[in-house]
Amino acid sequence: MKKPCKNNATNNAKTMSKLTAENFWKIWSESAVSAPAVFYRLYYNDDGSPMYYTMEDLPGNYVEVDINTYLVGSHNVRVVDQKLVHLPSVGMVTKLRPNALTGTACDPHDVCVVVDENGSHVKWSLQ
């Protein structure tokens, strides 16, 4: 009985390895792998106010936006003539403060509860 030559087995493994690598690179170069198209969209109402940002293809009015606009996701915009218009930011800050003369009568312990002015109350107004 003949013993297989150890050297022969090693040569066969190298040949198979080389063919596999060659086949891999051949298939790789011939394949036309392309990334799927990515769309960033802002869907909006008929009046131009934004509803939601998404990458899905959904029914409705939308405008395509860039990735930065998509990531920020600002709702301080309007769509006018298929273009995104940024609204000016409101620079005014108001606070709810107690006001004895004018305002809404609220429970003394909870400003969220509006009460009758005849009972115990504190008046609050925006200033």
Protein backbone atom coordinates (compact mmCIF):
# COMPACT_ATOMS: atom_id res chain seq x y z
CA MET A 1 0.00 0.00 0.00
CA LYS A 2 1.28 3.37 -0.99
CA LYS A 3 1.43 6.16 1.55
CA PRO A 4 0.37 9.60 0.37
CA CYS A 5 3.24 11.97 0.08
CA LYS A 6 3.04 14.71 2.68
CA ASN A 7 4.58 17.16 0.28
CA ASN A 8 1.88 16.42 -2.32
CA ALA A 9 -0.92 17.25 0.16
CA THR A 10 0.73 20.55 1.02
CA ASN A 11 1.06 21.46 -2.66
CA ASN A 12 -2.60 20.62 -3.29
CA ALA A 13 -3.69 22.84 -0.38
CA LYS A 14 -1.62 25.75 -1.71
CA THR A 15 -3.04 25.30 -5.20
CA MET A 16 -6.61 25.20 -3.85
CA SER A 17 -5.92 28.25 -1.70
CA LYS A 18 -4.52 30.15 -4.68
CA LEU A 19 -7.46 29.22 -6.90
CA THR A 20 -9.91 30.23 -4.21
CA ALA A 21 -8.26 33.60 -3.75
CA GLU A 22 -8.10 34.16 -7.51
CA ASN A 23 -11.76 33.23 -7.87
CA PHE A 24 -12.72 35.50 -5.01
CA TRP A 25 -10.96 38.53 -6.49
CA LYS A 26 -12.33 37.77 -9.95
CA ILE A 27 -15.90 37.60 -8.66
CA TRP A 28 -15.34 40.68 -6.52
CA SER A 29 -14.11 42.77 -9.45
CA GLU A 30 -16.93 41.61 -11.72
CA SER A 31 -19.71 42.26 -9.27
CA ALA A 32 -21.38 45.61 -9.46
CA VAL A 33 -22.11 46.26 -5.81
CA SER A 34 -23.71 49.63 -5.34
CA ALA A 35 -24.99 51.23 -2.20
CA PRO A 36 -28.74 51.66 -2.03
CA ALA A 37 -30.00 55.16 -2.67
CA VAL A 38 -30.66 57.05 0.55
CA PHE A 39 -33.28 59.80 0.64
CA TYR A 40 -33.88 62.14 3.56
CA ARG A 41 -37.37 63.58 3.44
CA LEU A 42 -39.49 66.05 5.32
CA TYR A 43 -43.20 65.36 5.00
CA TYR A 44 -45.42 68.40 5.44
CA ASN A 45 -49.09 69.46 5.62
CA ASP A 46 -50.89 71.39 2.90
CA ASP A 47 -50.11 74.65 4.72
CA GLY A 48 -46.36 73.89 4.60
CA SER A 49 -45.92 73.03 8.28
CA PRO A 50 -43.69 70.01 8.96
CA MET A 51 -45.15 66.68 10.07
CA TYR A 52 -42.08 64.40 10.31
CA TYR A 53 -38.65 63.64 8.93
CA THR A 54 -38.09 60.13 7.57
CA MET A 55 -36.08 58.00 5.16
CA GLU A 56 -39.15 56.01 4.12
CA ASP A 57 -41.13 56.41 0.92
CA LEU A 58 -44.60 57.28 2.21
CA PRO A 59 -47.64 58.85 0.57
CA GLY A 60 -48.06 62.58 0.99
CA ASN A 61 -46.31 65.86 0.36
CA TYR A 62 -42.57 65.86 0.97
CA VAL A 63 -39.41 67.72 0.15
CA GLU A 64 -35.96 66.13 0.06
CA VAL A 65 -33.49 67.55 2.59
CA ASP A 66 -29.78 67.10 3.19
CA ILE A 67 -28.41 64.88 5.95
CA ASN A 68 -27.65 67.79 8.31
CA THR A 69 -31.21 69.11 8.10
CA TYR A 70 -32.49 65.58 8.62
CA LEU A 71 -30.31 65.04 11.70
CA VAL A 72 -31.31 68.37 13.28
CA GLY A 73 -34.99 67.61 12.61
CA SER A 74 -36.11 71.20 13.20
CA HIS A 75 -39.83 71.90 13.17
CA ASN A 76 -39.10 75.62 13.03
CA VAL A 77 -39.39 75.52 9.22
CA ARG A 78 -42.03 75.81 6.52
CA VAL A 79 -42.16 74.46 2.98
CA VAL A 80 -42.89 77.17 0.42
CA ASP A 81 -42.85 76.33 -3.30
CA GLN A 82 -41.10 72.99 -2.65
CA LYS A 83 -38.29 74.78 -0.77
CA LEU A 84 -37.47 74.65 2.92
CA VAL A 85 -37.73 78.06 4.61
CA HIS A 86 -36.33 78.48 8.12
CA LEU A 87 -38.52 80.62 10.37
CA PRO A 88 -36.87 83.29 12.50
CA SER A 89 -36.44 82.21 16.09
CA VAL A 90 -38.48 83.97 18.69
CA GLY A 91 -36.16 85.88 20.98
CA MET A 92 -38.77 86.69 23.60
CA VAL A 93 -38.95 84.69 26.83
CA THR A 94 -41.96 84.90 29.09
CA LYS A 95 -42.45 83.69 32.64
CA LEU A 96 -45.51 82.89 34.64
CA ARG A 97 -45.46 85.19 37.70
CA PRO A 98 -47.89 86.03 40.46
CA ASN A 99 -49.78 89.26 39.81
CA ALA A 100 -52.28 90.61 42.32
CA LEU A 101 -54.08 92.93 39.86
CA THR A 102 -54.49 90.96 36.65
CA GLY A 103 -54.10 87.36 35.66
CA THR A 104 -55.78 84.01 36.08
CA ALA A 105 -56.95 82.91 39.51
CA CYS A 106 -55.21 79.65 40.45
CA ASP A 107 -55.08 77.39 43.47
CA PRO A 108 -52.50 78.69 45.97
CA HIS A 109 -50.73 75.30 46.03
CA ASP A 110 -50.97 74.34 42.32
CA VAL A 111 -50.73 76.87 39.50
CA CYS A 112 -52.20 74.30 37.06
CA VAL A 113 -55.61 74.38 38.78
CA VAL A 114 -57.80 77.34 37.86
CA VAL A 115 -60.22 78.31 40.65
CA ASP A 116 -63.03 80.78 41.29
CA GLU A 117 -61.87 84.28 42.27
CA ASN A 118 -64.24 84.31 45.29
CA GLY A 119 -62.27 81.52 47.06
CA SER A 120 -58.66 81.32 48.14
CA HIS A 121 -56.50 81.96 45.08
CA VAL A 122 -53.35 83.52 43.65
CA LYS A 123 -53.46 85.35 40.33
CA TRP A 124 -50.81 84.46 37.77
CA SER A 125 -49.95 86.16 34.46
CA LEU A 126 -47.28 85.97 31.78
CA GLN A 127 -44.62 88.67 32.04
